Amino acid sequence: MQEVTDSAMLENIIDFSAYGITDYYVYQQMMSVHLNEIIILKSSDPESALIALEERRDMLINQLSFYPEQQESAKATVTGRKDNICYLIAHKEADEAEKSLLLAI
């Protein structure tokens, strides 16, 4: 996975100027055959930010996954929130990654 910093690519993921987002990290698998993604946001409006991440999860499931491996990752995607930090993890073992993330927050 690679950190996404290109503004054009970020605009295709979520509007990072909205939802009270004050800091973020975005990682994606650079090979199109995979659909792995991690988004971690710090927000002054975490409820709205979480809704935006849930919309992103729905997009991954319904619009961006075509191959069986992509569909498996998309369907296993988790979103969540702890205090003012919201996250999305798209990976076939996202629940395990979520446990580790929550311990680190």
PDB file of N, CA and C in Angstrom:
ATOM      1  N   MET A   1       0.844  -1.179   0.000  1.00  0.00           N
ATOM      2  CA  MET A   1       0.000   0.000   0.000  1.00  0.00           C
ATOM      3  C   MET A   1       0.888   1.240   0.000  1.00  0.00           C
ATOM      4  N   GLN A   2       0.313   2.298  -0.511  1.00  0.00           N
ATOM      5  CA  GLN A   2       1.054   3.540  -0.617  1.00  0.00           C
ATOM      6  C   GLN A   2       0.176   4.689  -0.132  1.00  0.00           C
ATOM      7  N   GLU A   3       0.810   5.652   0.551  1.00  0.00           N
ATOM      8  CA  GLU A   3       0.064   6.817   1.007  1.00  0.00           C
ATOM      9  C   GLU A   3      -0.353   7.637  -0.202  1.00  0.00           C
ATOM     10  N   VAL A   4      -1.596   8.086  -0.194  1.00  0.00           N
ATOM     11  CA  VAL A   4      -2.118   8.920  -1.272  1.00  0.00           C
ATOM     12  C   VAL A   4      -1.980  10.374  -0.838  1.00  0.00           C
ATOM     13  N   THR A   5      -1.240  11.145  -1.621  1.00  0.00           N
ATOM     14  CA  THR A   5      -1.053  12.560  -1.316  1.00  0.00           C
ATOM     15  C   THR A   5      -1.466  13.453  -2.481  1.00  0.00           C
ATOM     16  N   ASP A   6      -1.659  12.884  -3.645  1.00  0.00           N
ATOM     17  CA  ASP A   6      -2.042  13.635  -4.832  1.00  0.00           C
ATOM     18  C   ASP A   6      -3.454  14.195  -4.655  1.00  0.00           C
ATOM     19  N   SER A   7      -3.603  15.503  -4.784  1.00  0.00           N
ATOM     20  CA  SER A   7      -4.897  16.142  -4.521  1.00  0.00           C
ATOM     21  C   SER A   7      -5.993  15.650  -5.467  1.00  0.00           C
ATOM     22  N   ALA A   8      -5.662  15.362  -6.709  1.00  0.00           N
ATOM     23  CA  ALA A   8      -6.674  14.869  -7.648  1.00  0.00           C
ATOM     24  C   ALA A   8      -7.186  13.493  -7.230  1.00  0.00           C
ATOM     25  N   MET A   9      -6.284  12.633  -6.775  1.00  0.00           N
ATOM     26  CA  MET A   9      -6.706  11.310  -6.310  1.00  0.00           C
ATOM     27  C   MET A   9      -7.536  11.428  -5.033  1.00  0.00           C
ATOM     28  N   LEU A  10      -7.117  12.313  -4.130  1.00  0.00           N
ATOM     29  CA  LEU A  10      -7.850  12.485  -2.875  1.00  0.00           C
ATOM     30  C   LEU A  10      -9.267  12.993  -3.120  1.00  0.00           C
ATOM     31  N   GLU A  11      -9.435  13.896  -4.093  1.00  0.00           N
ATOM     32  CA  GLU A  11     -10.763  14.426  -4.406  1.00  0.00           C
ATOM     33  C   GLU A  11     -11.728  13.333  -4.848  1.00  0.00           C
ATOM     34  N   ASN A  12     -11.202  12.257  -5.444  1.00  0.00           N
ATOM     35  CA  ASN A  12     -12.044  11.146  -5.880  1.00  0.00           C
ATOM     36  C   ASN A  12     -12.478  10.253  -4.718  1.00  0.00           C
ATOM     37  N   ILE A  13     -11.843  10.411  -3.575  1.00  0.00           N
ATOM     38  CA  ILE A  13     -12.136   9.555  -2.431  1.00  0.00           C
ATOM     39  C   ILE A  13     -13.183  10.178  -1.522  1.00  0.00           C
ATOM     40  N   ILE A  14     -12.930  11.421  -1.077  1.00  0.00           N
ATOM     41  CA  ILE A  14     -13.826  12.109  -0.151  1.00  0.00           C
ATOM     42  C   ILE A  14     -13.454  13.592  -0.175  1.00  0.00           C
ATOM     43  N   ASP A  15     -14.367  14.449   0.168  1.00  0.00           N
ATOM     44  CA  ASP A  15     -14.103  15.888   0.224  1.00  0.00           C
ATOM     45  C   ASP A  15     -13.403  16.204   1.542  1.00  0.00           C
ATOM     46  N   PHE A  16     -12.082  16.290   1.492  1.00  0.00           N
ATOM     47  CA  PHE A  16     -11.296  16.481   2.707  1.00  0.00           C
ATOM     48  C   PHE A  16     -11.376  17.906   3.253  1.00  0.00           C
ATOM     49  N   SER A  17     -12.060  18.799   2.541  1.00  0.00           N
ATOM     50  CA  SER A  17     -12.255  20.155   3.057  1.00  0.00           C
ATOM     51  C   SER A  17     -13.557  20.265   3.855  1.00  0.00           C
ATOM     52  N   ALA A  18     -14.314  19.196   3.893  1.00  0.00           N
ATOM     53  CA  ALA A  18     -15.616  19.188   4.576  1.00  0.00           C
ATOM     54  C   ALA A  18     -15.561  18.312   5.826  1.00  0.00           C
ATOM     55  N   TYR A  19     -16.679  18.218   6.518  1.00  0.00           N
ATOM     56  CA  TYR A  19     -16.864  17.312   7.657  1.00  0.00           C
ATOM     57  C   TYR A  19     -15.949  17.624   8.836  1.00  0.00           C
ATOM     58  N   GLY A  20     -15.429  18.850   8.899  1.00  0.00           N
ATOM     59  CA  GLY A  20     -14.574  19.230  10.020  1.00  0.00           C
ATOM     60  C   GLY A  20     -13.254  18.478  10.072  1.00  0.00           C
ATOM     61  N   ILE A  21     -12.813  17.949   8.945  1.00  0.00           N
ATOM     62  CA  ILE A  21     -11.576  17.167   8.910  1.00  0.00           C
ATOM     63  C   ILE A  21     -10.380  18.090   9.120  1.00  0.00           C
ATOM     64  N   THR A  22      -9.604  17.778  10.132  1.00  0.00           N
ATOM     65  CA  THR A  22      -8.422  18.584  10.445  1.00  0.00           C
ATOM     66  C   THR A  22      -7.119  17.870  10.111  1.00  0.00           C
ATOM     67  N   ASP A  23      -7.161  16.572   9.973  1.00  0.00           N
ATOM     68  CA  ASP A  23      -5.977  15.791   9.626  1.00  0.00           C
ATOM     69  C   ASP A  23      -6.444  14.460   9.047  1.00  0.00           C
ATOM     70  N   TYR A  24      -5.651  13.873   8.173  1.00  0.00           N
ATOM     71  CA  TYR A  24      -6.052  12.605   7.569  1.00  0.00           C
ATOM     72  C   TYR A  24      -4.845  11.844   7.040  1.00  0.00           C
ATOM     73  N   TYR A  25      -5.051  10.541   6.911  1.00  0.00           N
ATOM     74  CA  TYR A  25      -4.099   9.630   6.287  1.00  0.00           C
ATOM     75  C   TYR A  25      -4.898   8.729   5.363  1.00  0.00           C
ATOM     76  N   VAL A  26      -4.421   8.567   4.140  1.00  0.00           N
ATOM     77  CA  VAL A  26      -5.093   7.731   3.159  1.00  0.00           C
ATOM     78  C   VAL A  26      -4.049   6.815   2.527  1.00  0.00           C
ATOM     79  N   TYR A  27      -4.328   5.530   2.553  1.00  0.00           N
ATOM     80  CA  TYR A  27      -3.450   4.534   1.937  1.00  0.00           C
ATOM     81  C   TYR A  27      -4.292   3.661   1.023  1.00  0.00           C
ATOM     82  N   GLN A  28      -3.772   3.400  -0.167  1.00  0.00           N
ATOM     83  CA  GLN A  28      -4.457   2.532  -1.120  1.00  0.00           C
ATOM     84  C   GLN A  28      -3.460   1.591  -1.761  1.00  0.00           C
ATOM     85  N   GLN A  29      -3.988   0.459  -2.196  1.00  0.00           N
ATOM     86  CA  GLN A  29      -3.205  -0.477  -2.995  1.00  0.00           C
ATOM     87  C   GLN A  29      -3.079   0.131  -4.382  1.00  0.00           C
ATOM     88  N   MET A  30      -1.897   0.222  -4.890  1.00  0.00           N
ATOM     89  CA  MET A  30      -1.682   0.890  -6.164  1.00  0.00           C
ATOM     90  C   MET A  30      -2.004   0.023  -7.372  1.00  0.00           C
ATOM     91  N   MET A  31      -2.104  -1.279  -7.188  1.00  0.00           N
ATOM     92  CA  MET A  31      -2.492  -2.151  -8.302  1.00  0.00           C
ATOM     93  C   MET A  31      -4.006  -2.209  -8.359  1.00  0.00           C
ATOM     94  N   SER A  32      -4.563  -1.970  -9.527  1.00  0.00           N
ATOM     95  CA  SER A  32      -6.012  -1.878  -9.657  1.00  0.00           C
ATOM     96  C   SER A  32      -6.737  -3.202  -9.409  1.00  0.00           C
ATOM     97  N   VAL A  33      -6.023  -4.320  -9.469  1.00  0.00           N
ATOM     98  CA  VAL A  33      -6.678  -5.599  -9.235  1.00  0.00           C
ATOM     99  C   VAL A  33      -7.070  -5.761  -7.758  1.00  0.00           C
ATOM    100  N   HIS A  34      -6.400  -5.039  -6.879  1.00  0.00           N
ATOM    101  CA  HIS A  34      -6.697  -5.107  -5.455  1.00  0.00           C
ATOM    102  C   HIS A  34      -7.609  -3.947  -5.055  1.00  0.00           C
ATOM    103  N   LEU A  35      -8.348  -4.132  -4.007  1.00  0.00           N
ATOM    104  CA  LEU A  35      -9.170  -3.063  -3.481  1.00  0.00           C
ATOM    105  C   LEU A  35      -8.923  -3.019  -1.977  1.00  0.00           C
ATOM    106  N   ASN A  36      -7.792  -2.479  -1.613  1.00  0.00           N
ATOM    107  CA  ASN A  36      -7.433  -2.318  -0.211  1.00  0.00           C
ATOM    108  C   ASN A  36      -7.272  -0.835   0.036  1.00  0.00           C
ATOM    109  N   GLU A  37      -7.825  -0.372   1.149  1.00  0.00           N
ATOM    110  CA  GLU A  37      -7.809   1.061   1.410  1.00  0.00           C
ATOM    111  C   GLU A  37      -7.895   1.298   2.911  1.00  0.00           C
ATOM    112  N   ILE A  38      -7.147   2.274   3.383  1.00  0.00           N
ATOM    113  CA  ILE A  38      -7.235   2.697   4.777  1.00  0.00           C
ATOM    114  C   ILE A  38      -7.363   4.208   4.783  1.00  0.00           C
ATOM    115  N   ILE A  39      -8.384   4.701   5.451  1.00  0.00           N
ATOM    116  CA  ILE A  39      -8.578   6.135   5.624  1.00  0.00           C
ATOM    117  C   ILE A  39      -8.749   6.380   7.116  1.00  0.00           C
ATOM    118  N   ILE A  40      -7.940   7.267   7.648  1.00  0.00           N
ATOM    119  CA  ILE A  40      -8.053   7.651   9.055  1.00  0.00           C
ATOM    120  C   ILE A  40      -8.185   9.163   9.097  1.00  0.00           C
ATOM    121  N   LEU A  41      -9.245   9.649   9.736  1.00  0.00           N
ATOM    122  CA  LEU A  41      -9.546  11.074   9.779  1.00  0.00           C
ATOM    123  C   LEU A  41      -9.615  11.567  11.211  1.00  0.00           C
ATOM    124  N   LYS A  42      -9.131  12.757  11.420  1.00  0.00           N
ATOM    125  CA  LYS A  42      -9.356  13.460  12.679  1.00  0.00           C
ATOM    126  C   LYS A  42     -10.322  14.583  12.332  1.00  0.00           C
ATOM    127  N   SER A  43     -11.416  14.698  13.077  1.00  0.00           N
ATOM    128  CA  SER A  43     -12.471  15.624  12.687  1.00  0.00           C
ATOM    129  C   SER A  43     -13.068  16.341  13.896  1.00  0.00           C
ATOM    130  N   SER A  44     -13.432  17.594  13.690  1.00  0.00           N
ATOM    131  CA  SER A  44     -14.164  18.327  14.716  1.00  0.00           C
ATOM    132  C   SER A  44     -15.656  18.010  14.640  1.00  0.00           C
ATOM    133  N   ASP A  45     -16.067  17.308  13.583  1.00  0.00           N
ATOM    134  CA  ASP A  45     -17.453  16.862  13.410  1.00  0.00           C
ATOM    135  C   ASP A  45     -17.426  15.372  13.038  1.00  0.00           C
ATOM    136  N   PRO A  46     -17.049  14.529  14.007  1.00  0.00           N
ATOM    137  CA  PRO A  46     -16.852  13.113  13.673  1.00  0.00           C
ATOM    138  C   PRO A  46     -18.112  12.386  13.214  1.00  0.00           C
ATOM    139  N   GLU A  47     -19.281  12.827  13.629  1.00  0.00           N
ATOM    140  CA  GLU A  47     -20.508  12.157  13.168  1.00  0.00           C
ATOM    141  C   GLU A  47     -20.669  12.310  11.663  1.00  0.00           C
ATOM    142  N   SER A  48     -20.452  13.524  11.150  1.00  0.00           N
ATOM    143  CA  SER A  48     -20.550  13.754   9.704  1.00  0.00           C
ATOM    144  C   SER A  48     -19.431  13.046   8.956  1.00  0.00           C
ATOM    145  N   ALA A  49     -18.231  13.062   9.518  1.00  0.00           N
ATOM    146  CA  ALA A  49     -17.099  12.387   8.874  1.00  0.00           C
ATOM    147  C   ALA A  49     -17.360  10.886   8.764  1.00  0.00           C
ATOM    148  N   LEU A  50     -17.927  10.300   9.808  1.00  0.00           N
ATOM    149  CA  LEU A  50     -18.227   8.867   9.771  1.00  0.00           C
ATOM    150  C   LEU A  50     -19.277   8.565   8.709  1.00  0.00           C
ATOM    151  N   ILE A  51     -20.268   9.411   8.574  1.00  0.00           N
ATOM    152  CA  ILE A  51     -21.283   9.215   7.526  1.00  0.00           C
ATOM    153  C   ILE A  51     -20.628   9.251   6.149  1.00  0.00           C
ATOM    154  N   ALA A  52     -19.683  10.178   5.946  1.00  0.00           N
ATOM    155  CA  ALA A  52     -18.972  10.254   4.660  1.00  0.00           C
ATOM    156  C   ALA A  52     -18.171   8.987   4.402  1.00  0.00           C
ATOM    157  N   LEU A  53     -17.547   8.437   5.441  1.00  0.00           N
ATOM    158  CA  LEU A  53     -16.793   7.190   5.272  1.00  0.00           C
ATOM    159  C   LEU A  53     -17.727   6.017   4.995  1.00  0.00           C
ATOM    160  N   GLU A  54     -18.904   6.014   5.595  1.00  0.00           N
ATOM    161  CA  GLU A  54     -19.875   4.960   5.309  1.00  0.00           C
ATOM    162  C   GLU A  54     -20.352   5.055   3.859  1.00  0.00           C
ATOM    163  N   GLU A  55     -20.493   6.263   3.344  1.00  0.00           N
ATOM    164  CA  GLU A  55     -20.834   6.438   1.936  1.00  0.00           C
ATOM    165  C   GLU A  55     -19.708   5.924   1.043  1.00  0.00           C
ATOM    166  N   ARG A  56     -18.465   6.149   1.452  1.00  0.00           N
ATOM    167  CA  ARG A  56     -17.327   5.619   0.707  1.00  0.00           C
ATOM    168  C   ARG A  56     -17.350   4.094   0.711  1.00  0.00           C
ATOM    169  N   ARG A  57     -17.666   3.493   1.870  1.00  0.00           N
ATOM    170  CA  ARG A  57     -17.774   2.029   1.955  1.00  0.00           C
ATOM    171  C   ARG A  57     -18.833   1.525   0.972  1.00  0.00           C
ATOM    172  N   ASP A  58     -19.982   2.182   0.935  1.00  0.00           N
ATOM    173  CA  ASP A  58     -21.030   1.775   0.003  1.00  0.00           C
ATOM    174  C   ASP A  58     -20.567   1.887  -1.444  1.00  0.00           C
ATOM    175  N   MET A  59     -19.793   2.926  -1.750  1.00  0.00           N
ATOM    176  CA  MET A  59     -19.270   3.087  -3.105  1.00  0.00           C
ATOM    177  C   MET A  59     -18.294   1.961  -3.443  1.00  0.00           C
ATOM    178  N   LEU A  60     -17.450   1.600  -2.481  1.00  0.00           N
ATOM    179  CA  LEU A  60     -16.515   0.490  -2.716  1.00  0.00           C
ATOM    180  C   LEU A  60     -17.269  -0.792  -3.029  1.00  0.00           C
ATOM    181  N   ILE A  61     -18.327  -1.046  -2.278  1.00  0.00           N
ATOM    182  CA  ILE A  61     -19.096  -2.279  -2.448  1.00  0.00           C
ATOM    183  C   ILE A  61     -19.897  -2.268  -3.743  1.00  0.00           C
ATOM    184  N   ASN A  62     -20.586  -1.178  -4.018  1.00  0.00           N
ATOM    185  CA  ASN A  62     -21.564  -1.146  -5.107  1.00  0.00           C
ATOM    186  C   ASN A  62     -21.047  -0.619  -6.437  1.00  0.00           C
ATOM    187  N   GLN A  63     -19.917   0.100  -6.429  1.00  0.00           N
ATOM    188  CA  GLN A  63     -19.469   0.702  -7.680  1.00  0.00           C
ATOM    189  C   GLN A  63     -18.022   0.393  -8.062  1.00  0.00           C
ATOM    190  N   LEU A  64     -17.166   0.143  -7.099  1.00  0.00           N
ATOM    191  CA  LEU A  64     -15.742   0.049  -7.404  1.00  0.00           C
ATOM    192  C   LEU A  64     -15.158  -1.357  -7.333  1.00  0.00           C
ATOM    193  N   SER A  65     -15.934  -2.333  -6.930  1.00  0.00           N
ATOM    194  CA  SER A  65     -15.411  -3.703  -6.852  1.00  0.00           C
ATOM    195  C   SER A  65     -15.997  -4.544  -7.984  1.00  0.00           C
ATOM    196  N   PHE A  66     -15.113  -5.123  -8.780  1.00  0.00           N
ATOM    197  CA  PHE A  66     -15.536  -5.907  -9.931  1.00  0.00           C
ATOM    198  C   PHE A  66     -15.047  -7.349  -9.857  1.00  0.00           C
ATOM    199  N   TYR A  67     -13.781  -7.526  -9.527  1.00  0.00           N
ATOM    200  CA  TYR A  67     -13.187  -8.855  -9.462  1.00  0.00           C
ATOM    201  C   TYR A  67     -13.534  -9.518  -8.128  1.00  0.00           C
ATOM    202  N   PRO A  68     -13.531 -10.844  -8.074  1.00  0.00           N
ATOM    203  CA  PRO A  68     -13.883 -11.535  -6.825  1.00  0.00           C
ATOM    204  C   PRO A  68     -13.060 -11.074  -5.617  1.00  0.00           C
ATOM    205  N   GLU A  69     -11.749 -10.889  -5.792  1.00  0.00           N
ATOM    206  CA  GLU A  69     -10.913 -10.439  -4.677  1.00  0.00           C
ATOM    207  C   GLU A  69     -11.307  -9.037  -4.217  1.00  0.00           C
ATOM    208  N   GLN A  70     -11.639  -8.162  -5.167  1.00  0.00           N
ATOM    209  CA  GLN A  70     -12.091  -6.818  -4.824  1.00  0.00           C
ATOM    210  C   GLN A  70     -13.410  -6.865  -4.064  1.00  0.00           C
ATOM    211  N   GLN A  71     -14.317  -7.701  -4.521  1.00  0.00           N
ATOM    212  CA  GLN A  71     -15.608  -7.815  -3.856  1.00  0.00           C
ATOM    213  C   GLN A  71     -15.456  -8.330  -2.437  1.00  0.00           C
ATOM    214  N   GLU A  72     -14.540  -9.268  -2.237  1.00  0.00           N
ATOM    215  CA  GLU A  72     -14.290  -9.802  -0.899  1.00  0.00           C
ATOM    216  C   GLU A  72     -13.780  -8.694   0.032  1.00  0.00           C
ATOM    217  N   SER A  73     -12.837  -7.899  -0.438  1.00  0.00           N
ATOM    218  CA  SER A  73     -12.311  -6.794   0.371  1.00  0.00           C
ATOM    219  C   SER A  73     -13.385  -5.748   0.636  1.00  0.00           C
ATOM    220  N   ALA A  74     -14.142  -5.397  -0.388  1.00  0.00           N
ATOM    221  CA  ALA A  74     -15.177  -4.368  -0.236  1.00  0.00           C
ATOM    222  C   ALA A  74     -16.236  -4.795   0.773  1.00  0.00           C
ATOM    223  N   LYS A  75     -16.679  -6.029   0.683  1.00  0.00           N
ATOM    224  CA  LYS A  75     -17.724  -6.507   1.596  1.00  0.00           C
ATOM    225  C   LYS A  75     -17.235  -6.618   3.037  1.00  0.00           C
ATOM    226  N   ALA A  76     -15.935  -6.784   3.221  1.00  0.00           N
ATOM    227  CA  ALA A  76     -15.372  -6.896   4.569  1.00  0.00           C
ATOM    228  C   ALA A  76     -14.994  -5.535   5.157  1.00  0.00           C
ATOM    229  N   THR A  77     -15.199  -4.470   4.402  1.00  0.00           N
ATOM    230  CA  THR A  77     -14.829  -3.126   4.844  1.00  0.00           C
ATOM    231  C   THR A  77     -15.510  -2.768   6.149  1.00  0.00           C
ATOM    232  N   VAL A  78     -14.729  -2.173   7.059  1.00  0.00           N
ATOM    233  CA  VAL A  78     -15.280  -1.682   8.327  1.00  0.00           C
ATOM    234  C   VAL A  78     -15.079  -0.180   8.408  1.00  0.00           C
ATOM    235  N   THR A  79     -16.028   0.473   9.038  1.00  0.00           N
ATOM    236  CA  THR A  79     -15.905   1.885   9.366  1.00  0.00           C
ATOM    237  C   THR A  79     -16.174   2.019  10.853  1.00  0.00           C
ATOM    238  N   GLY A  80     -15.635   3.054  11.437  1.00  0.00           N
ATOM    239  CA  GLY A  80     -15.870   3.251  12.855  1.00  0.00           C
ATOM    240  C   GLY A  80     -15.342   4.580  13.334  1.00  0.00           C
ATOM    241  N   ARG A  81     -15.514   4.759  14.625  1.00  0.00           N
ATOM    242  CA  ARG A  81     -15.120   6.028  15.243  1.00  0.00           C
ATOM    243  C   ARG A  81     -14.676   5.775  16.666  1.00  0.00           C
ATOM    244  N   LYS A  82     -13.651   6.481  17.083  1.00  0.00           N
ATOM    245  CA  LYS A  82     -13.233   6.516  18.474  1.00  0.00           C
ATOM    246  C   LYS A  82     -12.903   7.976  18.780  1.00  0.00           C
ATOM    247  N   ASP A  83     -13.719   8.582  19.630  1.00  0.00           N
ATOM    248  CA  ASP A  83     -13.606  10.000  19.951  1.00  0.00           C
ATOM    249  C   ASP A  83     -13.735  10.817  18.664  1.00  0.00           C
ATOM    250  N   ASN A  84     -12.725  11.609  18.327  1.00  0.00           N
ATOM    251  CA  ASN A  84     -12.812  12.448  17.123  1.00  0.00           C
ATOM    252  C   ASN A  84     -12.040  11.851  15.940  1.00  0.00           C
ATOM    253  N   ILE A  85     -11.716  10.580  16.035  1.00  0.00           N
ATOM    254  CA  ILE A  85     -11.014   9.887  14.955  1.00  0.00           C
ATOM    255  C   ILE A  85     -11.976   8.884  14.304  1.00  0.00           C
ATOM    256  N   CYS A  86     -12.093   8.999  12.989  1.00  0.00           N
ATOM    257  CA  CYS A  86     -12.948   8.095  12.212  1.00  0.00           C
ATOM    258  C   CYS A  86     -12.059   7.328  11.235  1.00  0.00           C
ATOM    259  N   TYR A  87     -12.509   6.140  10.858  1.00  0.00           N
ATOM    260  CA  TYR A  87     -11.675   5.317   9.978  1.00  0.00           C
ATOM    261  C   TYR A  87     -12.510   4.440   9.068  1.00  0.00           C
ATOM    262  N   LEU A  88     -11.881   4.058   7.972  1.00  0.00           N
ATOM    263  CA  LEU A  88     -12.404   3.075   7.031  1.00  0.00           C
ATOM    264  C   LEU A  88     -11.247   2.152   6.707  1.00  0.00           C
ATOM    265  N   ILE A  89     -11.498   0.862   6.783  1.00  0.00           N
ATOM    266  CA  ILE A  89     -10.487  -0.140   6.409  1.00  0.00           C
ATOM    267  C   ILE A  89     -11.143  -1.103   5.432  1.00  0.00           C
ATOM    268  N   ALA A  90     -10.636  -1.115   4.214  1.00  0.00           N
ATOM    269  CA  ALA A  90     -11.126  -2.040   3.185  1.00  0.00           C
ATOM    270  C   ALA A  90     -10.048  -3.101   2.960  1.00  0.00           C
ATOM    271  N   HIS A  91     -10.339  -4.290   3.400  1.00  0.00           N
ATOM    272  CA  HIS A  91      -9.416  -5.421   3.259  1.00  0.00           C
ATOM    273  C   HIS A  91     -10.189  -6.664   3.660  1.00  0.00           C
ATOM    274  N   LYS A  92      -9.811  -7.798   3.129  1.00  0.00           N
ATOM    275  CA  LYS A  92     -10.543  -9.018   3.461  1.00  0.00           C
ATOM    276  C   LYS A  92     -10.426  -9.382   4.940  1.00  0.00           C
ATOM    277  N   GLU A  93      -9.417  -8.861   5.633  1.00  0.00           N
ATOM    278  CA  GLU A  93      -9.264  -9.079   7.074  1.00  0.00           C
ATOM    279  C   GLU A  93      -9.360  -7.745   7.833  1.00  0.00           C
ATOM    280  N   ALA A  94     -10.284  -6.907   7.409  1.00  0.00           N
ATOM    281  CA  ALA A  94     -10.435  -5.569   7.991  1.00  0.00           C
ATOM    282  C   ALA A  94     -10.754  -5.610   9.485  1.00  0.00           C
ATOM    283  N   ASP A  95     -11.492  -6.616   9.922  1.00  0.00           N
ATOM    284  CA  ASP A  95     -11.845  -6.683  11.348  1.00  0.00           C
ATOM    285  C   ASP A  95     -10.613  -6.855  12.222  1.00  0.00           C
ATOM    286  N   GLU A  96      -9.622  -7.606  11.751  1.00  0.00           N
ATOM    287  CA  GLU A  96      -8.377  -7.772  12.502  1.00  0.00           C
ATOM    288  C   GLU A  96      -7.574  -6.471  12.521  1.00  0.00           C
ATOM    289  N   ALA A  97      -7.538  -5.788  11.392  1.00  0.00           N
ATOM    290  CA  ALA A  97      -6.833  -4.506  11.319  1.00  0.00           C
ATOM    291  C   ALA A  97      -7.500  -3.470  12.220  1.00  0.00           C
ATOM    292  N   GLU A  98      -8.827  -3.512  12.285  1.00  0.00           N
ATOM    293  CA  GLU A  98      -9.565  -2.586  13.147  1.00  0.00           C
ATOM    294  C   GLU A  98      -9.177  -2.774  14.607  1.00  0.00           C
ATOM    295  N   LYS A  99      -9.050  -4.002  15.048  1.00  0.00           N
ATOM    296  CA  LYS A  99      -8.650  -4.271  16.443  1.00  0.00           C
ATOM    297  C   LYS A  99      -7.297  -3.625  16.749  1.00  0.00           C
ATOM    298  N   SER A 100      -6.355  -3.786  15.838  1.00  0.00           N
ATOM    299  CA  SER A 100      -5.028  -3.195  16.027  1.00  0.00           C
ATOM    300  C   SER A 100      -5.082  -1.678  16.027  1.00  0.00           C
ATOM    301  N   LEU A 101      -5.872  -1.124  15.132  1.00  0.00           N
ATOM    302  CA  LEU A 101      -6.004   0.336  15.061  1.00  0.00           C
ATOM    303  C   LEU A 101      -6.582   0.893  16.352  1.00  0.00           C
ATOM    304  N   LEU A 102      -7.624   0.267  16.854  1.00  0.00           N
ATOM    305  CA  LEU A 102      -8.268   0.756  18.073  1.00  0.00           C
ATOM    306  C   LEU A 102      -7.325   0.684  19.270  1.00  0.00           C
ATOM    307  N   LEU A 103      -6.455  -0.292  19.300  1.00  0.00           N
ATOM    308  CA  LEU A 103      -5.463  -0.375  20.375  1.00  0.00           C
ATOM    309  C   LEU A 103      -4.448   0.760  20.257  1.00  0.00           C
ATOM    310  N   ALA A 104      -4.158   1.189  19.035  1.00  0.00           N
ATOM    311  CA  ALA A 104      -3.143   2.220  18.815  1.00  0.00           C
ATOM    312  C   ALA A 104      -3.681   3.639  19.023  1.00  0.00           C
ATOM    313  N   ILE A 105      -4.983   3.794  18.933  1.00  0.00           N
ATOM    314  CA  ILE A 105      -5.573   5.143  19.078  1.00  0.00           C
ATOM    315  C   ILE A 105      -5.610   5.536  20.531  1.00  0.00           C
TER     316      ILE A 105
END
